[in-house]
Amino acid sequence: MTKAIECINLMKQFGDFRAVDHMNLSFEQGRISALLGPNGAGKTTAISMMLGMLKPTSGEVQVLGMPAGSKELRQRVGALMQDVKAADGLTVKEVLQLFRSYYRNPMSLERLFDISGLHADAKRRASSLSGGQRRRLAFAQSLAGNPELILLDEPTVGMDVEARGRFWDTIRALASDGRTVLLTTHYLEEADAVADHIAVIASGRVVAEGTPEMLKAQAALRTISFRVANAHEEHEWLQLPGVEKAECSGQRVRLHAHQTDELLFTLMQSNWGITDIDVQSASLEEAFRSLTDTNPSTLNNKRAY
């Protein structure tokens, strides 16, 4: 498939700190992709270089086959960054009309209102909107030019549950139109639900990429839990095929393993009186922690750099 974005040996240094460290990464056109990583991993810096807002220290970024920051790209790319201030003195409708005027082929005003859900607030000053409403307006602004490539940095921060649901429905609809979407997010369940492709970065480097299913399969353990009549000690369960961790609580046992097929066969063939078997796949959050070795508390921090 054609590459919408390609980072080639990309590096960005701020003094002694290397925010992006020789990153080689690409995102294909027509897909929803997610760029994940803990705070300080380099996500926002990478997005800023893709948009031409920052110049790389070395390496290059190609966007839609052109160097990042090219004038023509401004007509073809939309972006929603973390910090967007509401326009002083303008109403919601005036803001959207202003942004539409910057483009040759803008998205219709009616569709922008449909996307933002701000029909009833068209005549309100943009600066008087709530935080979630401002975020929805900023999203509509990013789509004013009817872009074929959309970059979204922590897009749903500040949105309530209903607004987030509407947002993801819109993203899926845009992707079905053939547009390309790249997003960063700390809401891992959202990335798991909507992304076709995920790249995980840590300390400015790519540590894994693939579909959500691939990342969960390769980086995190699956679990098999069951009741057993003849309970063993924990160290005895660790001798079974592929078991890396065992948890025992009375007759309830939980085993963690990368591959569970052989383990299941062994358990079913045993005479240990095993019942009530439950097999669970790893979550994307578990895979993320495994790949980045991050503290769970950082997942609740909505800032990224």
Protein backbone atom coordinates (compact mmCIF):
# COMPACT_ATOMS: atom_id res chain seq x y z
CA MET A 1 0.00 0.00 0.00
CA THR A 2 1.01 3.65 -0.50
CA LYS A 3 2.68 5.28 2.47
CA ALA A 4 0.94 8.34 3.89
CA ILE A 5 3.80 9.11 6.28
CA GLU A 6 7.36 7.82 6.27
CA CYS A 7 9.97 8.65 8.91
CA ILE A 8 13.49 7.84 7.78
CA ASN A 9 16.21 7.69 10.47
CA LEU A 10 14.39 10.57 12.14
CA MET A 11 16.06 12.27 15.09
CA LYS A 12 15.24 15.33 17.19
CA GLN A 13 17.48 16.59 19.96
CA PHE A 14 16.80 19.35 22.49
CA GLY A 15 20.14 20.15 24.10
CA ASP A 16 21.30 16.92 25.71
CA PHE A 17 17.86 15.31 25.49
CA ARG A 18 17.05 13.16 22.45
CA ALA A 19 13.26 13.19 22.12
CA VAL A 20 13.18 11.11 18.91
CA ASP A 21 16.06 8.72 18.39
CA HIS A 22 16.68 7.56 14.80
CA MET A 23 13.09 6.53 14.22
CA ASN A 24 12.20 4.49 11.14
CA LEU A 25 8.45 4.22 10.84
CA SER A 26 5.72 4.43 8.22
CA PHE A 27 1.93 4.63 8.13
CA GLU A 28 -0.13 3.49 5.16
CA GLN A 29 -2.82 5.47 3.42
CA GLY A 30 -6.47 4.68 4.07
CA ARG A 31 -5.94 3.24 7.55
CA ILE A 32 -6.49 4.34 11.13
CA SER A 33 -3.13 4.15 12.89
CA ALA A 34 -2.17 4.89 16.48
CA LEU A 35 1.15 6.02 17.91
CA LEU A 36 1.39 4.93 21.55
CA GLY A 37 4.00 5.45 24.23
CA PRO A 38 4.44 6.60 27.82
CA ASN A 39 4.99 10.24 28.74
CA GLY A 40 8.23 11.54 27.29
CA ALA A 41 8.35 8.81 24.63
CA GLY A 42 8.47 11.37 21.79
CA LYS A 43 4.94 11.11 20.39
CA THR A 44 4.12 14.82 20.23
CA THR A 45 7.61 15.66 18.97
CA ALA A 46 7.24 13.10 16.19
CA ILE A 47 3.79 14.43 15.23
CA SER A 48 5.15 17.99 15.22
CA MET A 49 7.90 16.98 12.78
CA MET A 50 5.39 15.19 10.56
CA LEU A 51 3.45 18.45 10.38
CA GLY A 52 6.54 20.52 9.67
CA MET A 53 6.12 22.41 12.96
CA LEU A 54 9.54 21.20 14.11
CA LYS A 55 12.59 20.57 11.95
CA PRO A 56 14.43 17.29 12.53
CA THR A 57 17.94 17.38 13.89
CA SER A 58 18.67 14.72 11.29
CA GLY A 59 16.76 12.29 9.08
CA GLU A 60 13.65 13.14 7.13
CA VAL A 61 9.87 12.87 7.06
CA GLN A 62 7.86 12.29 3.88
CA VAL A 63 4.14 13.07 4.03
CA LEU A 64 1.93 12.07 1.09
CA GLY A 65 5.11 11.76 -0.94
CA MET A 66 6.34 15.28 -0.12
CA PRO A 67 8.73 16.72 2.49
CA ALA A 68 6.94 17.52 5.74
CA GLY A 69 5.92 21.16 5.96
CA SER A 70 5.51 21.66 2.21
CA LYS A 71 3.05 24.42 1.33
CA GLU A 72 0.87 22.06 -0.72
CA LEU A 73 0.47 19.76 2.29
CA ARG A 74 -1.39 22.46 4.18
CA GLN A 75 -4.29 21.93 1.77
CA ARG A 76 -4.25 18.16 2.21
CA VAL A 77 -3.51 17.62 5.92
CA GLY A 78 -5.58 18.42 9.01
CA ALA A 79 -4.26 18.36 12.56
CA LEU A 80 -5.56 18.53 16.11
CA MET A 81 -2.85 19.16 18.68
CA GLN A 82 -3.07 18.92 22.46
CA ASP A 83 -3.22 22.64 23.24
CA VAL A 84 -5.69 24.57 21.09
CA LYS A 85 -6.97 27.96 22.27
CA ALA A 86 -10.43 29.20 21.38
CA ALA A 87 -10.50 32.24 19.10
CA ASP A 88 -11.17 35.46 21.03
CA GLY A 89 -14.29 37.36 20.04
CA LEU A 90 -15.54 34.93 17.38
CA THR A 91 -18.63 32.76 17.51
CA VAL A 92 -18.48 29.06 16.80
CA LYS A 93 -19.93 29.62 13.32
CA GLU A 94 -17.45 32.43 12.59
CA VAL A 95 -14.52 30.25 13.65
CA LEU A 96 -15.56 27.47 11.28
CA GLN A 97 -16.24 29.90 8.41
CA LEU A 98 -12.82 31.48 8.96
CA PHE A 99 -11.01 28.15 8.85
CA ARG A 100 -12.97 27.04 5.78
CA SER A 101 -11.83 30.21 3.98
CA TYR A 102 -8.21 29.05 4.16
CA TYR A 103 -8.77 26.08 1.85
CA ARG A 104 -9.52 25.51 -1.82
CA ASN A 105 -11.99 22.68 -1.23
CA PRO A 106 -13.35 23.04 2.30
CA MET A 107 -15.70 20.67 4.03
CA SER A 108 -19.26 21.98 4.14
CA LEU A 109 -20.22 24.05 7.16
CA GLU A 110 -23.22 21.80 7.81
CA ARG A 111 -21.02 18.69 8.00
CA LEU A 112 -18.60 20.44 10.36
CA PHE A 113 -21.52 21.22 12.64
CA ASP A 114 -22.69 17.60 12.39
CA ILE A 115 -19.20 16.41 13.33
CA SER A 116 -18.81 18.77 16.27
CA GLY A 117 -22.39 18.49 17.51
CA LEU A 118 -22.39 22.25 18.10
CA HIS A 119 -25.44 23.26 16.05
CA ALA A 120 -27.14 24.75 19.11
CA ASP A 121 -24.00 26.70 19.98
CA ALA A 122 -23.37 28.26 16.57
CA LYS A 123 -23.90 31.81 17.83
CA ARG A 124 -22.00 31.39 21.10
CA ARG A 125 -18.55 32.89 21.57
CA ALA A 126 -16.02 30.12 21.12
CA SER A 127 -14.22 31.28 24.26
CA SER A 128 -17.38 30.62 26.34
CA LEU A 129 -17.56 26.91 25.47
CA SER A 130 -16.79 24.21 27.99
CA GLY A 131 -13.51 22.30 27.73
CA GLY A 132 -15.14 19.36 25.97
CA GLN A 133 -17.00 21.63 23.56
CA ARG A 134 -13.80 23.49 22.72
CA ARG A 135 -12.15 20.17 21.96
CA ARG A 136 -14.99 19.25 19.58
CA LEU A 137 -14.73 22.65 17.91
CA ALA A 138 -10.98 22.19 17.51
CA PHE A 139 -11.62 18.82 15.88
CA ALA A 140 -14.03 20.43 13.43
CA GLN A 141 -11.40 23.09 12.69
CA SER A 142 -8.89 20.36 11.85
CA LEU A 143 -11.34 19.01 9.26
CA ALA A 144 -12.25 22.39 7.73
CA GLY A 145 -10.00 21.81 4.72
CA ASN A 146 -11.56 18.42 3.93
CA PRO A 147 -8.15 16.74 4.50
CA GLU A 148 -7.06 13.37 3.15
CA LEU A 149 -4.63 12.91 6.07
CA ILE A 150 -5.66 13.72 9.65
CA LEU A 151 -3.20 13.81 12.59
CA LEU A 152 -4.74 13.83 16.06
CA ASP A 153 -2.74 14.30 19.26
CA GLU A 154 -4.72 13.13 22.32
CA PRO A 155 -7.98 14.02 20.54
CA THR A 156 -10.59 13.02 23.15
CA VAL A 157 -9.07 14.63 26.24
CA GLY A 158 -11.79 16.62 27.98
CA MET A 159 -14.66 15.00 26.08
CA ASP A 160 -17.47 13.27 27.94
CA VAL A 161 -18.50 9.69 27.14
CA GLU A 162 -21.17 10.71 24.64
CA ALA A 163 -18.84 13.10 22.80
CA ARG A 164 -16.10 10.47 22.68
CA GLY A 165 -18.51 7.96 21.16
CA ARG A 166 -19.57 10.49 18.51
CA PHE A 167 -15.93 11.31 17.84
CA TRP A 168 -14.94 7.69 17.14
CA ASP A 169 -17.98 7.16 14.95
CA THR A 170 -16.80 10.16 12.93
CA ILE A 171 -13.26 8.79 12.71
CA ARG A 172 -14.54 5.47 11.36
CA ALA A 173 -16.73 7.30 8.83
CA LEU A 174 -13.78 9.42 7.67
CA ALA A 175 -11.61 6.32 7.27
CA SER A 176 -14.34 4.58 5.30
CA ASP A 177 -14.16 7.52 2.88
CA GLY A 178 -10.54 6.59 2.20
CA ARG A 179 -8.91 9.15 4.48
CA THR A 180 -5.86 8.35 6.58
CA VAL A 181 -5.92 8.94 10.34
CA LEU A 182 -2.95 8.93 12.72
CA LEU A 183 -3.63 9.49 16.40
CA THR A 184 -1.88 9.44 19.73
CA THR A 185 -3.86 8.57 22.83
CA HIS A 186 -3.54 7.45 26.44
CA TYR A 187 -6.95 5.79 26.22
CA LEU A 188 -5.60 2.40 25.21
CA GLU A 189 -9.02 0.76 24.96
CA GLU A 190 -9.90 3.31 22.26
CA ALA A 191 -6.78 2.57 20.25
CA ASP A 192 -7.54 -1.14 20.57
CA ALA A 193 -11.08 -0.60 19.31
CA VAL A 194 -10.44 1.68 16.32
CA ALA A 195 -6.85 1.32 15.09
CA ASP A 196 -5.89 -0.92 12.18
CA HIS A 197 -2.22 -0.49 12.97
CA ILE A 198 -0.36 0.52 16.15
CA ALA A 199 3.22 1.64 16.64
CA VAL A 200 4.59 1.71 20.18
CA ILE A 201 7.52 3.97 21.00
CA ALA A 202 9.61 4.37 24.14
CA SER A 203 12.53 6.75 24.69
CA GLY A 204 12.12 8.03 21.14
CA ARG A 205 12.50 4.61 19.51
CA VAL A 206 10.02 2.18 17.95
CA VAL A 207 9.75 -0.89 20.19
CA ALA A 208 6.91 -2.71 18.38
CA GLU A 209 4.31 -2.27 15.67
CA GLY A 210 1.50 -4.25 14.10
CA THR A 211 -2.23 -4.81 14.51
CA PRO A 212 -3.63 -4.66 18.06
CA GLU A 213 -4.04 -8.43 17.97
CA MET A 214 -0.40 -8.94 16.96
CA LEU A 215 0.89 -6.70 19.74
CA LYS A 216 -1.23 -8.42 22.35
CA ALA A 217 -0.12 -11.84 21.15
CA GLN A 218 3.60 -11.10 21.02
CA ALA A 219 4.10 -8.92 24.07
CA ALA A 220 1.77 -10.04 26.81
CA LEU A 221 0.76 -13.26 28.51
CA ARG A 222 -2.59 -14.99 28.16
CA THR A 223 -4.19 -16.45 31.26
CA ILE A 224 -5.89 -19.76 32.00
CA SER A 225 -7.81 -19.97 35.26
CA PHE A 226 -9.58 -23.04 36.63
CA ARG A 227 -10.63 -24.93 39.73
CA VAL A 228 -8.65 -28.01 40.66
CA ALA A 229 -9.47 -30.78 43.13
CA ASN A 230 -5.84 -31.80 43.65
CA ALA A 231 -4.04 -28.49 44.12
CA HIS A 232 -0.27 -28.29 43.59
CA GLU A 233 2.22 -25.83 44.98
CA GLU A 234 2.94 -22.79 42.80
CA HIS A 235 6.39 -24.03 41.81
CA GLU A 236 4.85 -27.26 40.45
CA TRP A 237 2.51 -25.33 38.12
CA LEU A 238 5.55 -23.46 36.79
CA GLN A 239 6.88 -26.75 35.40
CA LEU A 240 4.00 -26.98 32.91
CA PRO A 241 4.59 -26.05 29.22
CA GLY A 242 5.04 -22.29 28.71
CA VAL A 243 3.90 -21.22 32.18
CA GLU A 244 5.74 -18.10 33.33
CA LYS A 245 3.64 -17.18 36.35
CA ALA A 246 1.27 -19.08 38.62
CA GLU A 247 -1.22 -17.77 41.16
CA CYS A 248 -3.00 -20.10 43.58
CA SER A 249 -5.89 -19.26 45.90
CA GLY A 250 -7.39 -22.34 47.47
CA GLN A 251 -8.72 -24.51 44.65
CA ARG A 252 -8.59 -21.64 42.14
CA VAL A 253 -5.46 -21.48 39.98
CA ARG A 254 -4.46 -18.85 37.43
CA LEU A 255 -1.62 -19.60 35.00
CA HIS A 256 0.04 -17.02 32.72
CA ALA A 257 1.64 -18.13 29.45
CA HIS A 258 2.47 -16.77 25.99
CA GLN A 259 1.11 -19.86 24.24
CA THR A 260 -1.85 -21.67 25.79
CA ASP A 261 -2.74 -24.43 23.31
CA GLU A 262 -0.20 -26.97 24.59
CA LEU A 263 -0.87 -25.96 28.17
CA LEU A 264 -4.62 -26.48 27.72
CA PHE A 265 -4.01 -29.92 26.22
CA THR A 266 -1.82 -30.89 29.17
CA LEU A 267 -4.39 -29.73 31.68
CA MET A 268 -7.26 -31.53 29.94
CA GLN A 269 -5.30 -34.78 29.73
CA SER A 270 -4.37 -34.72 33.41
CA ASN A 271 -6.18 -36.49 36.25
CA TRP A 272 -6.07 -33.42 38.52
CA GLY A 273 -9.84 -32.87 38.53
CA ILE A 274 -9.77 -29.59 36.62
CA THR A 275 -13.09 -27.76 36.10
CA ASP A 276 -14.44 -24.29 35.32
CA ILE A 277 -11.71 -23.37 32.82
CA ASP A 278 -11.52 -19.77 31.61
CA VAL A 279 -9.04 -18.54 28.98
CA GLN A 280 -8.43 -14.81 28.56
CA SER A 281 -6.34 -12.96 26.02
CA ALA A 282 -4.05 -10.15 27.11
CA SER A 283 -5.37 -6.60 26.92
CA LEU A 284 -3.63 -3.87 24.94
CA GLU A 285 -2.83 -2.18 28.26
CA GLU A 286 -0.95 -5.29 29.39
CA ALA A 287 0.92 -5.42 26.10
CA PHE A 288 1.71 -1.71 26.37
CA ARG A 289 3.15 -2.13 29.85
CA SER A 290 5.19 -5.10 28.73
CA LEU A 291 6.59 -3.26 25.72
CA THR A 292 7.37 0.02 27.44
CA ASP A 293 7.99 -1.18 31.01
CA THR A 294 5.84 1.71 32.18
CA ASN A 295 4.27 2.28 35.56
CA PRO A 296 0.46 1.89 35.45
CA SER A 297 0.04 5.31 37.06
CA THR A 298 1.43 7.01 33.95
CA LEU A 299 -1.55 5.74 31.94
CA ASN A 300 -3.77 8.18 33.79
CA ASN A 301 -1.64 11.19 32.96
CA LYS A 302 -3.12 12.78 29.85
CA ARG A 303 -0.05 14.84 28.90
CA ALA A 304 2.46 13.60 26.35
CA TYR A 305 5.65 15.04 24.94
